[in-house]
Amino acid sequence: MGGSESGQEEVRESRNYRENDMIKTVDNLKVQIESAVEEAQEAFWAVIAEKFPEVKTGDFPPDASHQFSHHCELAVSIWLRLNHPDIE
């Protein structure tokens, strides 16, 4: 019985390692998406400012900014799911 118990423990430990790796991968991907979106939004607003030189301020409501970020992150997540070779 001792061998069976240690085998089950090894399976549990292996499963825990895989789950932890998956969590780390998801967390890393989330950080990567957030970083990419932040950089892309900066480029977006730079182009908007360039196209409208008569506008001298950059006011934008916080709630609209949050929604914009959320939808950009969602768009990147969808794009990754459809195009990244390692994401299903």
N, C-alpha and C. Protein backbone atom coordinates (compact mmCIF):
# COMPACT_ATOMS: atom_id res chain seq x y z
N MET A 1 0.81 -1.20 0.00
CA MET A 1 0.00 0.00 0.00
C MET A 1 0.85 1.26 0.00
N GLY A 2 2.02 1.20 0.61
CA GLY A 2 2.86 2.38 0.68
C GLY A 2 3.22 2.90 -0.69
N GLY A 3 3.49 1.99 -1.66
CA GLY A 3 3.84 2.43 -3.00
C GLY A 3 2.68 3.11 -3.68
N SER A 4 1.48 2.62 -3.48
CA SER A 4 0.30 3.22 -4.11
C SER A 4 0.05 4.61 -3.55
N GLU A 5 0.21 4.75 -2.25
CA GLU A 5 0.01 6.07 -1.64
C GLU A 5 1.05 7.06 -2.14
N SER A 6 2.31 6.63 -2.25
CA SER A 6 3.34 7.56 -2.70
C SER A 6 3.13 7.89 -4.18
N GLY A 7 2.61 6.95 -4.95
CA GLY A 7 2.29 7.21 -6.35
C GLY A 7 1.18 8.24 -6.48
N GLN A 8 0.17 8.13 -5.63
CA GLN A 8 -0.93 9.10 -5.64
C GLN A 8 -0.43 10.48 -5.23
N GLU A 9 0.47 10.50 -4.26
CA GLU A 9 1.04 11.77 -3.82
C GLU A 9 1.84 12.41 -4.95
N GLU A 10 2.60 11.62 -5.69
CA GLU A 10 3.37 12.15 -6.82
C GLU A 10 2.44 12.73 -7.89
N VAL A 11 1.31 12.04 -8.14
CA VAL A 11 0.35 12.54 -9.12
C VAL A 11 -0.24 13.86 -8.65
N ARG A 12 -0.59 13.95 -7.35
CA ARG A 12 -1.13 15.20 -6.79
C ARG A 12 -0.11 16.33 -6.91
N GLU A 13 1.15 16.04 -6.55
CA GLU A 13 2.20 17.06 -6.63
C GLU A 13 2.40 17.52 -8.08
N SER A 14 2.40 16.57 -9.01
CA SER A 14 2.55 16.90 -10.41
C SER A 14 1.40 17.78 -10.89
N ARG A 15 0.18 17.43 -10.49
CA ARG A 15 -1.00 18.21 -10.86
C ARG A 15 -0.90 19.62 -10.27
N ASN A 16 -0.45 19.73 -9.01
CA ASN A 16 -0.30 21.04 -8.38
C ASN A 16 0.74 21.89 -9.11
N TYR A 17 1.86 21.26 -9.51
CA TYR A 17 2.88 22.01 -10.25
C TYR A 17 2.31 22.51 -11.57
N ARG A 18 1.57 21.66 -12.28
CA ARG A 18 0.97 22.08 -13.57
C ARG A 18 -0.02 23.20 -13.36
N GLU A 19 -0.85 23.10 -12.32
CA GLU A 19 -1.83 24.15 -12.03
C GLU A 19 -1.11 25.45 -11.67
N ASN A 20 -0.06 25.37 -10.87
CA ASN A 20 0.70 26.57 -10.51
C ASN A 20 1.35 27.19 -11.74
N ASP A 21 1.91 26.35 -12.62
CA ASP A 21 2.51 26.86 -13.86
C ASP A 21 1.45 27.53 -14.72
N MET A 22 0.25 26.95 -14.77
CA MET A 22 -0.82 27.52 -15.58
C MET A 22 -1.24 28.88 -15.00
N ILE A 23 -1.34 28.97 -13.69
CA ILE A 23 -1.70 30.23 -13.04
C ILE A 23 -0.63 31.28 -13.34
N LYS A 24 0.65 30.90 -13.23
CA LYS A 24 1.73 31.84 -13.53
C LYS A 24 1.66 32.28 -14.98
N THR A 25 1.39 31.35 -15.88
CA THR A 25 1.29 31.68 -17.30
C THR A 25 0.14 32.64 -17.55
N VAL A 26 -1.02 32.39 -16.96
CA VAL A 26 -2.17 33.27 -17.12
C VAL A 26 -1.86 34.64 -16.54
N ASP A 27 -1.25 34.68 -15.36
CA ASP A 27 -0.89 35.96 -14.74
C ASP A 27 0.10 36.72 -15.62
N ASN A 28 1.10 36.02 -16.14
CA ASN A 28 2.08 36.66 -17.02
C ASN A 28 1.42 37.17 -18.29
N LEU A 29 0.51 36.40 -18.85
CA LEU A 29 -0.20 36.82 -20.06
C LEU A 29 -1.05 38.06 -19.78
N LYS A 30 -1.70 38.09 -18.63
CA LYS A 30 -2.52 39.25 -18.27
C LYS A 30 -1.65 40.50 -18.17
N VAL A 31 -0.50 40.39 -17.52
CA VAL A 31 0.42 41.51 -17.40
C VAL A 31 0.92 41.94 -18.77
N GLN A 32 1.22 40.98 -19.62
CA GLN A 32 1.69 41.28 -20.97
C GLN A 32 0.60 42.00 -21.78
N ILE A 33 -0.64 41.55 -21.67
CA ILE A 33 -1.76 42.20 -22.37
C ILE A 33 -1.93 43.62 -21.85
N GLU A 34 -1.93 43.80 -20.53
CA GLU A 34 -2.10 45.13 -19.95
C GLU A 34 -1.00 46.07 -20.42
N SER A 35 0.23 45.59 -20.46
CA SER A 35 1.36 46.40 -20.90
C SER A 35 1.23 46.78 -22.37
N ALA A 36 0.87 45.81 -23.20
CA ALA A 36 0.71 46.06 -24.64
C ALA A 36 -0.41 47.06 -24.89
N VAL A 37 -1.52 46.92 -24.17
CA VAL A 37 -2.66 47.83 -24.33
C VAL A 37 -2.27 49.24 -23.90
N GLU A 38 -1.57 49.36 -22.78
CA GLU A 38 -1.14 50.68 -22.31
C GLU A 38 -0.26 51.37 -23.36
N GLU A 39 0.69 50.63 -23.90
CA GLU A 39 1.57 51.19 -24.93
C GLU A 39 0.79 51.54 -26.20
N ALA A 40 -0.13 50.68 -26.59
CA ALA A 40 -0.95 50.93 -27.79
C ALA A 40 -1.85 52.15 -27.60
N GLN A 41 -2.39 52.31 -26.40
CA GLN A 41 -3.25 53.47 -26.14
C GLN A 41 -2.45 54.77 -26.20
N GLU A 42 -1.24 54.75 -25.71
CA GLU A 42 -0.38 55.93 -25.81
C GLU A 42 -0.15 56.29 -27.27
N ALA A 43 0.11 55.29 -28.10
CA ALA A 43 0.30 55.53 -29.53
C ALA A 43 -0.99 56.03 -30.17
N PHE A 44 -2.11 55.44 -29.78
CA PHE A 44 -3.41 55.87 -30.29
C PHE A 44 -3.65 57.35 -30.02
N TRP A 45 -3.47 57.75 -28.75
CA TRP A 45 -3.73 59.15 -28.39
C TRP A 45 -2.73 60.09 -29.03
N ALA A 46 -1.50 59.63 -29.26
CA ALA A 46 -0.51 60.46 -29.95
C ALA A 46 -0.97 60.74 -31.38
N VAL A 47 -1.51 59.73 -32.06
CA VAL A 47 -2.02 59.92 -33.42
C VAL A 47 -3.24 60.85 -33.40
N ILE A 48 -4.13 60.67 -32.45
CA ILE A 48 -5.31 61.53 -32.35
C ILE A 48 -4.87 62.98 -32.14
N ALA A 49 -3.92 63.21 -31.24
CA ALA A 49 -3.43 64.56 -30.98
C ALA A 49 -2.78 65.16 -32.23
N GLU A 50 -2.06 64.34 -32.96
CA GLU A 50 -1.42 64.80 -34.20
C GLU A 50 -2.45 65.20 -35.25
N LYS A 51 -3.53 64.46 -35.34
CA LYS A 51 -4.57 64.72 -36.35
C LYS A 51 -5.47 65.89 -35.97
N PHE A 52 -5.47 66.27 -34.71
CA PHE A 52 -6.29 67.39 -34.24
C PHE A 52 -5.40 68.40 -33.50
N PRO A 53 -4.49 69.07 -34.21
CA PRO A 53 -3.53 69.97 -33.55
C PRO A 53 -4.18 71.18 -32.88
N GLU A 54 -5.41 71.50 -33.28
CA GLU A 54 -6.09 72.63 -32.67
C GLU A 54 -6.56 72.34 -31.25
N VAL A 55 -6.61 71.06 -30.87
CA VAL A 55 -7.01 70.67 -29.52
C VAL A 55 -5.79 70.79 -28.61
N LYS A 56 -5.93 71.56 -27.54
CA LYS A 56 -4.78 71.86 -26.67
C LYS A 56 -4.79 71.10 -25.35
N THR A 57 -5.87 70.38 -25.03
CA THR A 57 -5.92 69.61 -23.77
C THR A 57 -6.21 68.15 -24.09
N GLY A 58 -6.02 67.31 -23.11
CA GLY A 58 -6.25 65.89 -23.30
C GLY A 58 -7.26 65.32 -22.32
N ASP A 59 -8.25 66.14 -21.94
CA ASP A 59 -9.24 65.69 -20.96
C ASP A 59 -10.02 64.48 -21.49
N PHE A 60 -10.24 63.52 -20.59
CA PHE A 60 -11.02 62.32 -20.93
C PHE A 60 -11.55 61.77 -19.62
N PRO A 61 -12.86 61.50 -19.52
CA PRO A 61 -13.44 61.06 -18.25
C PRO A 61 -12.85 59.73 -17.77
N PRO A 62 -12.60 59.61 -16.47
CA PRO A 62 -12.02 58.37 -15.93
C PRO A 62 -12.85 57.13 -16.25
N ASP A 63 -14.17 57.22 -16.18
CA ASP A 63 -14.99 56.04 -16.45
C ASP A 63 -14.87 55.63 -17.92
N ALA A 64 -14.79 56.60 -18.82
CA ALA A 64 -14.63 56.29 -20.24
C ALA A 64 -13.24 55.71 -20.50
N SER A 65 -12.25 56.22 -19.78
CA SER A 65 -10.88 55.69 -19.90
C SER A 65 -10.82 54.23 -19.46
N HIS A 66 -11.49 53.95 -18.35
CA HIS A 66 -11.53 52.56 -17.85
C HIS A 66 -12.23 51.64 -18.86
N GLN A 67 -13.34 52.09 -19.40
CA GLN A 67 -14.06 51.28 -20.39
C GLN A 67 -13.21 51.06 -21.64
N PHE A 68 -12.53 52.11 -22.09
CA PHE A 68 -11.66 52.00 -23.25
C PHE A 68 -10.58 50.95 -23.01
N SER A 69 -9.92 51.02 -21.85
CA SER A 69 -8.89 50.04 -21.52
C SER A 69 -9.45 48.62 -21.47
N HIS A 70 -10.60 48.49 -20.82
CA HIS A 70 -11.23 47.17 -20.70
C HIS A 70 -11.52 46.57 -22.08
N HIS A 71 -12.09 47.38 -22.96
CA HIS A 71 -12.44 46.87 -24.29
C HIS A 71 -11.20 46.60 -25.15
N CYS A 72 -10.17 47.38 -24.96
CA CYS A 72 -8.91 47.10 -25.67
C CYS A 72 -8.32 45.77 -25.19
N GLU A 73 -8.32 45.54 -23.88
CA GLU A 73 -7.80 44.28 -23.34
C GLU A 73 -8.65 43.11 -23.82
N LEU A 74 -9.95 43.29 -23.88
CA LEU A 74 -10.83 42.24 -24.39
C LEU A 74 -10.51 41.95 -25.85
N ALA A 75 -10.32 42.99 -26.65
CA ALA A 75 -10.00 42.81 -28.07
C ALA A 75 -8.68 42.06 -28.23
N VAL A 76 -7.68 42.40 -27.44
CA VAL A 76 -6.39 41.71 -27.52
C VAL A 76 -6.55 40.25 -27.10
N SER A 77 -7.33 40.00 -26.06
CA SER A 77 -7.56 38.62 -25.61
C SER A 77 -8.23 37.78 -26.69
N ILE A 78 -9.21 38.35 -27.35
CA ILE A 78 -9.89 37.64 -28.44
C ILE A 78 -8.91 37.39 -29.58
N TRP A 79 -8.17 38.42 -29.94
CA TRP A 79 -7.19 38.29 -31.02
C TRP A 79 -6.17 37.20 -30.71
N LEU A 80 -5.66 37.17 -29.46
CA LEU A 80 -4.70 36.15 -29.07
C LEU A 80 -5.32 34.76 -29.14
N ARG A 81 -6.55 34.63 -28.65
CA ARG A 81 -7.21 33.32 -28.65
C ARG A 81 -7.35 32.80 -30.08
N LEU A 82 -7.60 33.69 -31.02
CA LEU A 82 -7.80 33.28 -32.42
C LEU A 82 -6.49 33.09 -33.18
N ASN A 83 -5.41 33.70 -32.71
CA ASN A 83 -4.20 33.72 -33.53
C ASN A 83 -2.93 33.18 -32.88
N HIS A 84 -2.86 33.15 -31.57
CA HIS A 84 -1.65 32.70 -30.89
C HIS A 84 -1.58 31.17 -30.95
N PRO A 85 -0.44 30.61 -31.37
CA PRO A 85 -0.36 29.15 -31.52
C PRO A 85 -0.47 28.37 -30.22
N ASP A 86 -0.18 29.00 -29.07
CA ASP A 86 -0.21 28.28 -27.80
C ASP A 86 -1.43 28.56 -26.94
N ILE A 87 -2.38 29.34 -27.47
CA ILE A 87 -3.56 29.68 -26.68
C ILE A 87 -4.80 29.13 -27.38
N GLU A 88 -5.63 28.49 -26.59
CA GLU A 88 -6.86 27.93 -27.14
C GLU A 88 -8.04 28.76 -26.73
